[in-house]
Amino acid sequence: ILLVSFVGVLWQLSSGFVFHVGGYSLAI
């Protein structure tokens, strides 16, 4: 139940994570 509850929260929180590598931006 905790997994179901927090997977959505964690997905939403990390949806805006952008990595900048060698002048390129990578969103996962």
mmCIF file of all heavy atoms, coordinates in Angstrom:
data_MODEL
# 
_entry.id   MODEL 
# 
loop_
_atom_site.group_PDB 
_atom_site.id 
_atom_site.type_symbol 
_atom_site.label_atom_id 
_atom_site.label_alt_id 
_atom_site.label_comp_id 
_atom_site.label_asym_id 
_atom_site.label_entity_id 
_atom_site.label_seq_id 
_atom_site.pdbx_PDB_ins_code 
_atom_site.Cartn_x 
_atom_site.Cartn_y 
_atom_site.Cartn_z 
_atom_site.occupancy 
_atom_site.B_iso_or_equiv 
_atom_site.pdbx_formal_charge 
_atom_site.auth_seq_id 
_atom_site.auth_comp_id 
_atom_site.auth_asym_id 
_atom_site.auth_atom_id 
_atom_site.pdbx_PDB_model_num 
ATOM 1   N N   . ILE A 1 1  ? 0.830  -1.203 0.000   1.00 0.00 ? 1  ILE A N   1 
ATOM 2   C CA  . ILE A 1 1  ? 0.000  0.000  0.000   1.00 0.00 ? 1  ILE A CA  1 
ATOM 3   C C   . ILE A 1 1  ? 0.867  1.257  0.000   1.00 0.00 ? 1  ILE A C   1 
ATOM 4   O O   . ILE A 1 1  ? 0.576  2.245  -0.704  1.00 0.00 ? 1  ILE A O   1 
ATOM 5   C CB  . ILE A 1 1  ? -0.952 -0.016 1.207   1.00 0.00 ? 1  ILE A CB  1 
ATOM 6   C CG1 . ILE A 1 1  ? -1.978 -1.150 1.042   1.00 0.00 ? 1  ILE A CG1 1 
ATOM 7   C CG2 . ILE A 1 1  ? -1.668 1.317  1.355   1.00 0.00 ? 1  ILE A CG2 1 
ATOM 8   C CD1 . ILE A 1 1  ? -2.944 -1.287 2.195   1.00 0.00 ? 1  ILE A CD1 1 
ATOM 9   N N   . LEU A 1 2  ? 1.956  1.240  0.771   1.00 0.00 ? 2  LEU A N   1 
ATOM 10  C CA  . LEU A 1 2  ? 2.870  2.379  0.761   1.00 0.00 ? 2  LEU A CA  1 
ATOM 11  C C   . LEU A 1 2  ? 3.503  2.561  -0.620  1.00 0.00 ? 2  LEU A C   1 
ATOM 12  O O   . LEU A 1 2  ? 3.684  3.691  -1.083  1.00 0.00 ? 2  LEU A O   1 
ATOM 13  C CB  . LEU A 1 2  ? 3.951  2.194  1.817   1.00 0.00 ? 2  LEU A CB  1 
ATOM 14  C CG  . LEU A 1 2  ? 3.567  2.528  3.264   1.00 0.00 ? 2  LEU A CG  1 
ATOM 15  C CD1 . LEU A 1 2  ? 4.705  2.160  4.209   1.00 0.00 ? 2  LEU A CD1 1 
ATOM 16  C CD2 . LEU A 1 2  ? 3.218  4.005  3.400   1.00 0.00 ? 2  LEU A CD2 1 
ATOM 17  N N   . LEU A 1 3  ? 3.850  1.444  -1.264  1.00 0.00 ? 3  LEU A N   1 
ATOM 18  C CA  . LEU A 1 3  ? 4.446  1.517  -2.590  1.00 0.00 ? 3  LEU A CA  1 
ATOM 19  C C   . LEU A 1 3  ? 3.474  2.162  -3.573  1.00 0.00 ? 3  LEU A C   1 
ATOM 20  O O   . LEU A 1 3  ? 3.836  3.072  -4.336  1.00 0.00 ? 3  LEU A O   1 
ATOM 21  C CB  . LEU A 1 3  ? 4.832  0.117  -3.062  1.00 0.00 ? 3  LEU A CB  1 
ATOM 22  C CG  . LEU A 1 3  ? 5.420  0.009  -4.474  1.00 0.00 ? 3  LEU A CG  1 
ATOM 23  C CD1 . LEU A 1 3  ? 6.734  0.767  -4.566  1.00 0.00 ? 3  LEU A CD1 1 
ATOM 24  C CD2 . LEU A 1 3  ? 5.612  -1.457 -4.855  1.00 0.00 ? 3  LEU A CD2 1 
ATOM 25  N N   . VAL A 1 4  ? 2.211  1.710  -3.552  1.00 0.00 ? 4  VAL A N   1 
ATOM 26  C CA  . VAL A 1 4  ? 1.203  2.278  -4.449  1.00 0.00 ? 4  VAL A CA  1 
ATOM 27  C C   . VAL A 1 4  ? 1.002  3.760  -4.152  1.00 0.00 ? 4  VAL A C   1 
ATOM 28  O O   . VAL A 1 4  ? 0.853  4.589  -5.065  1.00 0.00 ? 4  VAL A O   1 
ATOM 29  C CB  . VAL A 1 4  ? -0.117 1.505  -4.306  1.00 0.00 ? 4  VAL A CB  1 
ATOM 30  C CG1 . VAL A 1 4  ? -1.230 2.200  -5.066  1.00 0.00 ? 4  VAL A CG1 1 
ATOM 31  C CG2 . VAL A 1 4  ? 0.040  0.070  -4.793  1.00 0.00 ? 4  VAL A CG2 1 
ATOM 32  N N   . SER A 1 5  ? 1.037  4.113  -2.864  1.00 0.00 ? 5  SER A N   1 
ATOM 33  C CA  . SER A 1 5  ? 0.797  5.501  -2.474  1.00 0.00 ? 5  SER A CA  1 
ATOM 34  C C   . SER A 1 5  ? 1.930  6.424  -2.899  1.00 0.00 ? 5  SER A C   1 
ATOM 35  O O   . SER A 1 5  ? 1.688  7.571  -3.313  1.00 0.00 ? 5  SER A O   1 
ATOM 36  C CB  . SER A 1 5  ? 0.605  5.592  -0.955  1.00 0.00 ? 5  SER A CB  1 
ATOM 37  O OG  . SER A 1 5  ? -0.462 4.782  -0.524  1.00 0.00 ? 5  SER A OG  1 
ATOM 38  N N   . PHE A 1 6  ? 3.171  5.955  -2.807  1.00 0.00 ? 6  PHE A N   1 
ATOM 39  C CA  . PHE A 1 6  ? 4.309  6.846  -3.008  1.00 0.00 ? 6  PHE A CA  1 
ATOM 40  C C   . PHE A 1 6  ? 4.922  6.758  -4.401  1.00 0.00 ? 6  PHE A C   1 
ATOM 41  O O   . PHE A 1 6  ? 5.721  7.623  -4.761  1.00 0.00 ? 6  PHE A O   1 
ATOM 42  C CB  . PHE A 1 6  ? 5.388  6.564  -1.959  1.00 0.00 ? 6  PHE A CB  1 
ATOM 43  C CG  . PHE A 1 6  ? 5.123  7.253  -0.642  1.00 0.00 ? 6  PHE A CG  1 
ATOM 44  C CD1 . PHE A 1 6  ? 4.443  6.605  0.362   1.00 0.00 ? 6  PHE A CD1 1 
ATOM 45  C CD2 . PHE A 1 6  ? 5.532  8.565  -0.440  1.00 0.00 ? 6  PHE A CD2 1 
ATOM 46  C CE1 . PHE A 1 6  ? 4.190  7.236  1.571   1.00 0.00 ? 6  PHE A CE1 1 
ATOM 47  C CE2 . PHE A 1 6  ? 5.286  9.208  0.753   1.00 0.00 ? 6  PHE A CE2 1 
ATOM 48  C CZ  . PHE A 1 6  ? 4.609  8.547  1.764   1.00 0.00 ? 6  PHE A CZ  1 
ATOM 49  N N   . VAL A 1 7  ? 4.613  5.722  -5.172  1.00 0.00 ? 7  VAL A N   1 
ATOM 50  C CA  . VAL A 1 7  ? 5.146  5.666  -6.525  1.00 0.00 ? 7  VAL A CA  1 
ATOM 51  C C   . VAL A 1 7  ? 4.668  6.872  -7.328  1.00 0.00 ? 7  VAL A C   1 
ATOM 52  O O   . VAL A 1 7  ? 5.453  7.532  -8.044  1.00 0.00 ? 7  VAL A O   1 
ATOM 53  C CB  . VAL A 1 7  ? 4.749  4.345  -7.212  1.00 0.00 ? 7  VAL A CB  1 
ATOM 54  C CG1 . VAL A 1 7  ? 4.863  4.474  -8.724  1.00 0.00 ? 7  VAL A CG1 1 
ATOM 55  C CG2 . VAL A 1 7  ? 5.650  3.220  -6.752  1.00 0.00 ? 7  VAL A CG2 1 
ATOM 56  N N   . GLY A 1 8  ? 3.388  7.191  -7.209  1.00 0.00 ? 8  GLY A N   1 
ATOM 57  C CA  . GLY A 1 8  ? 2.856  8.358  -7.924  1.00 0.00 ? 8  GLY A CA  1 
ATOM 58  C C   . GLY A 1 8  ? 3.485  9.654  -7.448  1.00 0.00 ? 8  GLY A C   1 
ATOM 59  O O   . GLY A 1 8  ? 3.799  10.542 -8.250  1.00 0.00 ? 8  GLY A O   1 
ATOM 60  N N   . VAL A 1 9  ? 3.669  9.757  -6.111  1.00 0.00 ? 9  VAL A N   1 
ATOM 61  C CA  . VAL A 1 9  ? 4.290  10.962 -5.559  1.00 0.00 ? 9  VAL A CA  1 
ATOM 62  C C   . VAL A 1 9  ? 5.719  11.109 -6.081  1.00 0.00 ? 9  VAL A C   1 
ATOM 63  O O   . VAL A 1 9  ? 6.137  12.192 -6.526  1.00 0.00 ? 9  VAL A O   1 
ATOM 64  C CB  . VAL A 1 9  ? 4.282  10.912 -4.021  1.00 0.00 ? 9  VAL A CB  1 
ATOM 65  C CG1 . VAL A 1 9  ? 5.060  12.099 -3.437  1.00 0.00 ? 9  VAL A CG1 1 
ATOM 66  C CG2 . VAL A 1 9  ? 2.855  10.908 -3.499  1.00 0.00 ? 9  VAL A CG2 1 
ATOM 67  N N   . LEU A 1 10 ? 6.477  10.009 -6.031  1.00 0.00 ? 10 LEU A N   1 
ATOM 68  C CA  . LEU A 1 10 ? 7.872  10.061 -6.466  1.00 0.00 ? 10 LEU A CA  1 
ATOM 69  C C   . LEU A 1 10 ? 7.970  10.322 -7.972  1.00 0.00 ? 10 LEU A C   1 
ATOM 70  O O   . LEU A 1 10 ? 8.871  11.042 -8.431  1.00 0.00 ? 10 LEU A O   1 
ATOM 71  C CB  . LEU A 1 10 ? 8.570  8.740  -6.109  1.00 0.00 ? 10 LEU A CB  1 
ATOM 72  C CG  . LEU A 1 10 ? 10.084 8.691  -6.340  1.00 0.00 ? 10 LEU A CG  1 
ATOM 73  C CD1 . LEU A 1 10 ? 10.800 9.761  -5.530  1.00 0.00 ? 10 LEU A CD1 1 
ATOM 74  C CD2 . LEU A 1 10 ? 10.631 7.306  -5.981  1.00 0.00 ? 10 LEU A CD2 1 
ATOM 75  N N   . TRP A 1 11 ? 7.062  9.729  -8.747  1.00 0.00 ? 11 TRP A N   1 
ATOM 76  C CA  . TRP A 1 11 ? 7.064  9.966  -10.189 1.00 0.00 ? 11 TRP A CA  1 
ATOM 77  C C   . TRP A 1 11 ? 6.814  11.444 -10.496 1.00 0.00 ? 11 TRP A C   1 
ATOM 78  O O   . TRP A 1 11 ? 7.494  12.044 -11.338 1.00 0.00 ? 11 TRP A O   1 
ATOM 79  C CB  . TRP A 1 11 ? 5.992  9.099  -10.838 1.00 0.00 ? 11 TRP A CB  1 
ATOM 80  C CG  . TRP A 1 11 ? 6.005  9.161  -12.345 1.00 0.00 ? 11 TRP A CG  1 
ATOM 81  C CD1 . TRP A 1 11 ? 5.519  10.169 -13.140 1.00 0.00 ? 11 TRP A CD1 1 
ATOM 82  C CD2 . TRP A 1 11 ? 6.549  8.175  -13.225 1.00 0.00 ? 11 TRP A CD2 1 
ATOM 83  N NE1 . TRP A 1 11 ? 5.707  9.865  -14.451 1.00 0.00 ? 11 TRP A NE1 1 
ATOM 84  C CE2 . TRP A 1 11 ? 6.344  8.652  -14.547 1.00 0.00 ? 11 TRP A CE2 1 
ATOM 85  C CE3 . TRP A 1 11 ? 7.172  6.949  -13.043 1.00 0.00 ? 11 TRP A CE3 1 
ATOM 86  C CZ2 . TRP A 1 11 ? 6.739  7.933  -15.664 1.00 0.00 ? 11 TRP A CZ2 1 
ATOM 87  C CZ3 . TRP A 1 11 ? 7.560  6.229  -14.147 1.00 0.00 ? 11 TRP A CZ3 1 
ATOM 88  C CH2 . TRP A 1 11 ? 7.355  6.720  -15.442 1.00 0.00 ? 11 TRP A CH2 1 
ATOM 89  N N   . GLN A 1 12 ? 5.852  12.009 -9.778  1.00 0.00 ? 12 GLN A N   1 
ATOM 90  C CA  . GLN A 1 12 ? 5.533  13.416 -10.013 1.00 0.00 ? 12 GLN A CA  1 
ATOM 91  C C   . GLN A 1 12 ? 6.688  14.321 -9.599  1.00 0.00 ? 12 GLN A C   1 
ATOM 92  O O   . GLN A 1 12 ? 7.027  15.278 -10.299 1.00 0.00 ? 12 GLN A O   1 
ATOM 93  C CB  . GLN A 1 12 ? 4.267  13.792 -9.250  1.00 0.00 ? 12 GLN A CB  1 
ATOM 94  C CG  . GLN A 1 12 ? 3.809  15.227 -9.490  1.00 0.00 ? 12 GLN A CG  1 
ATOM 95  C CD  . GLN A 1 12 ? 2.527  15.541 -8.740  1.00 0.00 ? 12 GLN A CD  1 
ATOM 96  O OE1 . GLN A 1 12 ? 2.028  14.711 -7.978  1.00 0.00 ? 12 GLN A OE1 1 
ATOM 97  N NE2 . GLN A 1 12 ? 1.986  16.727 -8.961  1.00 0.00 ? 12 GLN A NE2 1 
ATOM 98  N N   . LEU A 1 13 ? 7.329  13.995 -8.454  1.00 0.00 ? 13 LEU A N   1 
ATOM 99  C CA  . LEU A 1 13 ? 8.431  14.826 -7.980  1.00 0.00 ? 13 LEU A CA  1 
ATOM 100 C C   . LEU A 1 13 ? 9.627  14.777 -8.919  1.00 0.00 ? 13 LEU A C   1 
ATOM 101 O O   . LEU A 1 13 ? 10.343 15.777 -9.076  1.00 0.00 ? 13 LEU A O   1 
ATOM 102 C CB  . LEU A 1 13 ? 8.861  14.373 -6.577  1.00 0.00 ? 13 LEU A CB  1 
ATOM 103 C CG  . LEU A 1 13 ? 7.907  14.702 -5.427  1.00 0.00 ? 13 LEU A CG  1 
ATOM 104 C CD1 . LEU A 1 13 ? 8.390  14.042 -4.142  1.00 0.00 ? 13 LEU A CD1 1 
ATOM 105 C CD2 . LEU A 1 13 ? 7.795  16.212 -5.236  1.00 0.00 ? 13 LEU A CD2 1 
ATOM 106 N N   . SER A 1 14 ? 9.864  13.622 -9.528  1.00 0.00 ? 14 SER A N   1 
ATOM 107 C CA  . SER A 1 14 ? 11.039 13.480 -10.387 1.00 0.00 ? 14 SER A CA  1 
ATOM 108 C C   . SER A 1 14 ? 10.729 13.727 -11.859 1.00 0.00 ? 14 SER A C   1 
ATOM 109 O O   . SER A 1 14 ? 11.609 13.558 -12.715 1.00 0.00 ? 14 SER A O   1 
ATOM 110 C CB  . SER A 1 14 ? 11.649 12.082 -10.228 1.00 0.00 ? 14 SER A CB  1 
ATOM 111 O OG  . SER A 1 14 ? 10.713 11.076 -10.563 1.00 0.00 ? 14 SER A OG  1 
ATOM 112 N N   . SER A 1 15 ? 9.508  14.139 -12.150 1.00 0.00 ? 15 SER A N   1 
ATOM 113 C CA  . SER A 1 15 ? 9.155  14.383 -13.551 1.00 0.00 ? 15 SER A CA  1 
ATOM 114 C C   . SER A 1 15 ? 9.877  15.601 -14.108 1.00 0.00 ? 15 SER A C   1 
ATOM 115 O O   . SER A 1 15 ? 10.093 15.703 -15.325 1.00 0.00 ? 15 SER A O   1 
ATOM 116 C CB  . SER A 1 15 ? 7.637  14.560 -13.698 1.00 0.00 ? 15 SER A CB  1 
ATOM 117 O OG  . SER A 1 15 ? 7.204  15.686 -12.926 1.00 0.00 ? 15 SER A OG  1 
ATOM 118 N N   . GLY A 1 16 ? 10.253 16.531 -13.240 1.00 0.00 ? 16 GLY A N   1 
ATOM 119 C CA  . GLY A 1 16 ? 10.937 17.741 -13.700 1.00 0.00 ? 16 GLY A CA  1 
ATOM 120 C C   . GLY A 1 16 ? 12.436 17.662 -13.595 1.00 0.00 ? 16 GLY A C   1 
ATOM 121 O O   . GLY A 1 16 ? 13.126 18.686 -13.789 1.00 0.00 ? 16 GLY A O   1 
ATOM 122 N N   . PHE A 1 17 ? 12.951 16.483 -13.244 1.00 0.00 ? 17 PHE A N   1 
ATOM 123 C CA  . PHE A 1 17 ? 14.402 16.344 -13.098 1.00 0.00 ? 17 PHE A CA  1 
ATOM 124 C C   . PHE A 1 17 ? 15.054 16.377 -14.488 1.00 0.00 ? 17 PHE A C   1 
ATOM 125 O O   . PHE A 1 17 ? 14.714 15.562 -15.362 1.00 0.00 ? 17 PHE A O   1 
ATOM 126 C CB  . PHE A 1 17 ? 14.755 15.028 -12.401 1.00 0.00 ? 17 PHE A CB  1 
ATOM 127 C CG  . PHE A 1 17 ? 14.532 15.063 -10.916 1.00 0.00 ? 17 PHE A CG  1 
ATOM 128 C CD1 . PHE A 1 17 ? 13.775 16.068 -10.322 1.00 0.00 ? 17 PHE A CD1 1 
ATOM 129 C CD2 . PHE A 1 17 ? 15.098 14.094 -10.100 1.00 0.00 ? 17 PHE A CD2 1 
ATOM 130 C CE1 . PHE A 1 17 ? 13.580 16.087 -8.952  1.00 0.00 ? 17 PHE A CE1 1 
ATOM 131 C CE2 . PHE A 1 17 ? 14.906 14.116 -8.731  1.00 0.00 ? 17 PHE A CE2 1 
ATOM 132 C CZ  . PHE A 1 17 ? 14.134 15.112 -8.157  1.00 0.00 ? 17 PHE A CZ  1 
ATOM 133 N N   . VAL A 1 18 ? 15.975 17.312 -14.669 1.00 0.00 ? 18 VAL A N   1 
ATOM 134 C CA  . VAL A 1 18 ? 16.682 17.455 -15.942 1.00 0.00 ? 18 VAL A CA  1 
ATOM 135 C C   . VAL A 1 18 ? 18.185 17.407 -15.668 1.00 0.00 ? 18 VAL A C   1 
ATOM 136 O O   . VAL A 1 18 ? 18.687 18.109 -14.778 1.00 0.00 ? 18 VAL A O   1 
ATOM 137 C CB  . VAL A 1 18 ? 16.325 18.782 -16.650 1.00 0.00 ? 18 VAL A CB  1 
ATOM 138 C CG1 . VAL A 1 18 ? 17.087 18.906 -17.967 1.00 0.00 ? 18 VAL A CG1 1 
ATOM 139 C CG2 . VAL A 1 18 ? 14.826 18.873 -16.903 1.00 0.00 ? 18 VAL A CG2 1 
ATOM 140 N N   . PHE A 1 19 ? 18.867 16.551 -16.396 1.00 0.00 ? 19 PHE A N   1 
ATOM 141 C CA  . PHE A 1 19 ? 20.311 16.405 -16.232 1.00 0.00 ? 19 PHE A CA  1 
ATOM 142 C C   . PHE A 1 19 ? 21.013 17.167 -17.365 1.00 0.00 ? 19 PHE A C   1 
ATOM 143 O O   . PHE A 1 19 ? 20.618 17.065 -18.541 1.00 0.00 ? 19 PHE A O   1 
ATOM 144 C CB  . PHE A 1 19 ? 20.718 14.922 -16.257 1.00 0.00 ? 19 PHE A CB  1 
ATOM 145 C CG  . PHE A 1 19 ? 20.128 14.127 -15.119 1.00 0.00 ? 19 PHE A CG  1 
ATOM 146 C CD1 . PHE A 1 19 ? 18.891 13.500 -15.245 1.00 0.00 ? 19 PHE A CD1 1 
ATOM 147 C CD2 . PHE A 1 19 ? 20.807 14.022 -13.922 1.00 0.00 ? 19 PHE A CD2 1 
ATOM 148 C CE1 . PHE A 1 19 ? 18.360 12.786 -14.204 1.00 0.00 ? 19 PHE A CE1 1 
ATOM 149 C CE2 . PHE A 1 19 ? 20.279 13.304 -12.876 1.00 0.00 ? 19 PHE A CE2 1 
ATOM 150 C CZ  . PHE A 1 19 ? 19.061 12.682 -13.010 1.00 0.00 ? 19 PHE A CZ  1 
ATOM 151 N N   . HIS A 1 20 ? 22.054 17.918 -16.984 1.00 0.00 ? 20 HIS A N   1 
ATOM 152 C CA  . HIS A 1 20 ? 22.813 18.716 -17.938 1.00 0.00 ? 20 HIS A CA  1 
ATOM 153 C C   . HIS A 1 20 ? 24.182 18.078 -18.094 1.00 0.00 ? 20 HIS A C   1 
ATOM 154 O O   . HIS A 1 20 ? 24.993 18.085 -17.163 1.00 0.00 ? 20 HIS A O   1 
ATOM 155 C CB  . HIS A 1 20 ? 22.934 20.163 -17.465 1.00 0.00 ? 20 HIS A CB  1 
ATOM 156 C CG  . HIS A 1 20 ? 21.604 20.797 -17.175 1.00 0.00 ? 20 HIS A CG  1 
ATOM 157 N ND1 . HIS A 1 20 ? 20.765 21.291 -18.168 1.00 0.00 ? 20 HIS A ND1 1 
ATOM 158 C CD2 . HIS A 1 20 ? 20.952 21.009 -15.994 1.00 0.00 ? 20 HIS A CD2 1 
ATOM 159 C CE1 . HIS A 1 20 ? 19.674 21.784 -17.612 1.00 0.00 ? 20 HIS A CE1 1 
ATOM 160 N NE2 . HIS A 1 20 ? 19.757 21.619 -16.279 1.00 0.00 ? 20 HIS A NE2 1 
ATOM 161 N N   . VAL A 1 21 ? 24.430 17.485 -19.255 1.00 0.00 ? 21 VAL A N   1 
ATOM 162 C CA  . VAL A 1 21 ? 25.680 16.778 -19.518 1.00 0.00 ? 21 VAL A CA  1 
ATOM 163 C C   . VAL A 1 21 ? 26.277 17.293 -20.822 1.00 0.00 ? 21 VAL A C   1 
ATOM 164 O O   . VAL A 1 21 ? 25.652 17.144 -21.897 1.00 0.00 ? 21 VAL A O   1 
ATOM 165 C CB  . VAL A 1 21 ? 25.461 15.260 -19.606 1.00 0.00 ? 21 VAL A CB  1 
ATOM 166 C CG1 . VAL A 1 21 ? 26.799 14.538 -19.843 1.00 0.00 ? 21 VAL A CG1 1 
ATOM 167 C CG2 . VAL A 1 21 ? 24.778 14.739 -18.358 1.00 0.00 ? 21 VAL A CG2 1 
ATOM 168 N N   . GLY A 1 22 ? 27.455 17.918 -20.717 1.00 0.00 ? 22 GLY A N   1 
ATOM 169 C CA  . GLY A 1 22 ? 28.176 18.387 -21.911 1.00 0.00 ? 22 GLY A CA  1 
ATOM 170 C C   . GLY A 1 22 ? 27.368 19.333 -22.769 1.00 0.00 ? 22 GLY A C   1 
ATOM 171 O O   . GLY A 1 22 ? 27.404 19.233 -23.996 1.00 0.00 ? 22 GLY A O   1 
ATOM 172 N N   . GLY A 1 23 ? 26.624 20.213 -22.115 1.00 0.00 ? 23 GLY A N   1 
ATOM 173 C CA  . GLY A 1 23 ? 25.834 21.177 -22.863 1.00 0.00 ? 23 GLY A CA  1 
ATOM 174 C C   . GLY A 1 23 ? 24.500 20.652 -23.326 1.00 0.00 ? 23 GLY A C   1 
ATOM 175 O O   . GLY A 1 23 ? 23.711 21.384 -23.947 1.00 0.00 ? 23 GLY A O   1 
ATOM 176 N N   . TYR A 1 24 ? 24.212 19.395 -23.043 1.00 0.00 ? 24 TYR A N   1 
ATOM 177 C CA  . TYR A 1 24 ? 22.930 18.802 -23.423 1.00 0.00 ? 24 TYR A CA  1 
ATOM 178 C C   . TYR A 1 24 ? 22.050 18.639 -22.171 1.00 0.00 ? 24 TYR A C   1 
ATOM 179 O O   . TYR A 1 24 ? 22.550 18.417 -21.069 1.00 0.00 ? 24 TYR A O   1 
ATOM 180 C CB  . TYR A 1 24 ? 23.122 17.435 -24.078 1.00 0.00 ? 24 TYR A CB  1 
ATOM 181 C CG  . TYR A 1 24 ? 23.818 17.497 -25.411 1.00 0.00 ? 24 TYR A CG  1 
ATOM 182 C CD1 . TYR A 1 24 ? 25.190 17.319 -25.482 1.00 0.00 ? 24 TYR A CD1 1 
ATOM 183 C CD2 . TYR A 1 24 ? 23.094 17.732 -26.580 1.00 0.00 ? 24 TYR A CD2 1 
ATOM 184 C CE1 . TYR A 1 24 ? 25.859 17.385 -26.702 1.00 0.00 ? 24 TYR A CE1 1 
ATOM 185 C CE2 . TYR A 1 24 ? 23.749 17.789 -27.808 1.00 0.00 ? 24 TYR A CE2 1 
ATOM 186 C CZ  . TYR A 1 24 ? 25.121 17.614 -27.871 1.00 0.00 ? 24 TYR A CZ  1 
ATOM 187 O OH  . TYR A 1 24 ? 25.775 17.680 -29.060 1.00 0.00 ? 24 TYR A OH  1 
ATOM 188 N N   . SER A 1 25 ? 20.753 18.741 -22.367 1.00 0.00 ? 25 SER A N   1 
ATOM 189 C CA  . SER A 1 25 ? 19.795 18.531 -21.276 1.00 0.00 ? 25 SER A CA  1 
ATOM 190 C C   . SER A 1 25 ? 19.060 17.221 -21.523 1.00 0.00 ? 25 SER A C   1 
ATOM 191 O O   . SER A 1 25 ? 18.529 16.986 -22.623 1.00 0.00 ? 25 SER A O   1 
ATOM 192 C CB  . SER A 1 25 ? 18.790 19.694 -21.204 1.00 0.00 ? 25 SER A CB  1 
ATOM 193 O OG  . SER A 1 25 ? 19.452 20.909 -20.921 1.00 0.00 ? 25 SER A OG  1 
ATOM 194 N N   . LEU A 1 26 ? 19.024 16.380 -20.463 1.00 0.00 ? 26 LEU A N   1 
ATOM 195 C CA  . LEU A 1 26 ? 18.392 15.056 -20.581 1.00 0.00 ? 26 LEU A CA  1 
ATOM 196 C C   . LEU A 1 26 ? 17.325 14.914 -19.502 1.00 0.00 ? 26 LEU A C   1 
ATOM 197 O O   . LEU A 1 26 ? 17.615 15.002 -18.305 1.00 0.00 ? 26 LEU A O   1 
ATOM 198 C CB  . LEU A 1 26 ? 19.444 13.952 -20.420 1.00 0.00 ? 26 LEU A CB  1 
ATOM 199 C CG  . LEU A 1 26 ? 18.921 12.514 -20.456 1.00 0.00 ? 26 LEU A CG  1 
ATOM 200 C CD1 . LEU A 1 26 ? 18.316 12.199 -21.819 1.00 0.00 ? 26 LEU A CD1 1 
ATOM 201 C CD2 . LEU A 1 26 ? 20.041 11.527 -20.131 1.00 0.00 ? 26 LEU A CD2 1 
ATOM 202 N N   . ALA A 1 27 ? 16.085 14.722 -19.917 1.00 0.00 ? 27 ALA A N   1 
ATOM 203 C CA  . ALA A 1 27 ? 14.970 14.531 -18.986 1.00 0.00 ? 27 ALA A CA  1 
ATOM 204 C C   . ALA A 1 27 ? 14.533 13.063 -19.016 1.00 0.00 ? 27 ALA A C   1 
ATOM 205 O O   . ALA A 1 27 ? 14.266 12.518 -20.091 1.00 0.00 ? 27 ALA A O   1 
ATOM 206 C CB  . ALA A 1 27 ? 13.804 15.436 -19.354 1.00 0.00 ? 27 ALA A CB  1 
ATOM 207 N N   . ILE A 1 28 ? 14.476 12.416 -17.844 1.00 0.00 ? 28 ILE A N   1 
ATOM 208 C CA  . ILE A 1 28 ? 14.053 11.018 -17.736 1.00 0.00 ? 28 ILE A CA  1 
ATOM 209 C C   . ILE A 1 28 ? 12.752 10.986 -16.927 1.00 0.00 ? 28 ILE A C   1 
ATOM 210 O O   . ILE A 1 28 ? 12.768 11.262 -15.720 1.00 0.00 ? 28 ILE A O   1 
ATOM 211 C CB  . ILE A 1 28 ? 15.117 10.154 -17.046 1.00 0.00 ? 28 ILE A CB  1 
ATOM 212 C CG1 . ILE A 1 28 ? 16.455 10.237 -17.793 1.00 0.00 ? 28 ILE A CG1 1 
ATOM 213 C CG2 . ILE A 1 28 ? 14.651 8.711  -16.947 1.00 0.00 ? 28 ILE A CG2 1 
ATOM 214 C CD1 . ILE A 1 28 ? 17.571 9.465  -17.116 1.00 0.00 ? 28 ILE A CD1 1 
# 
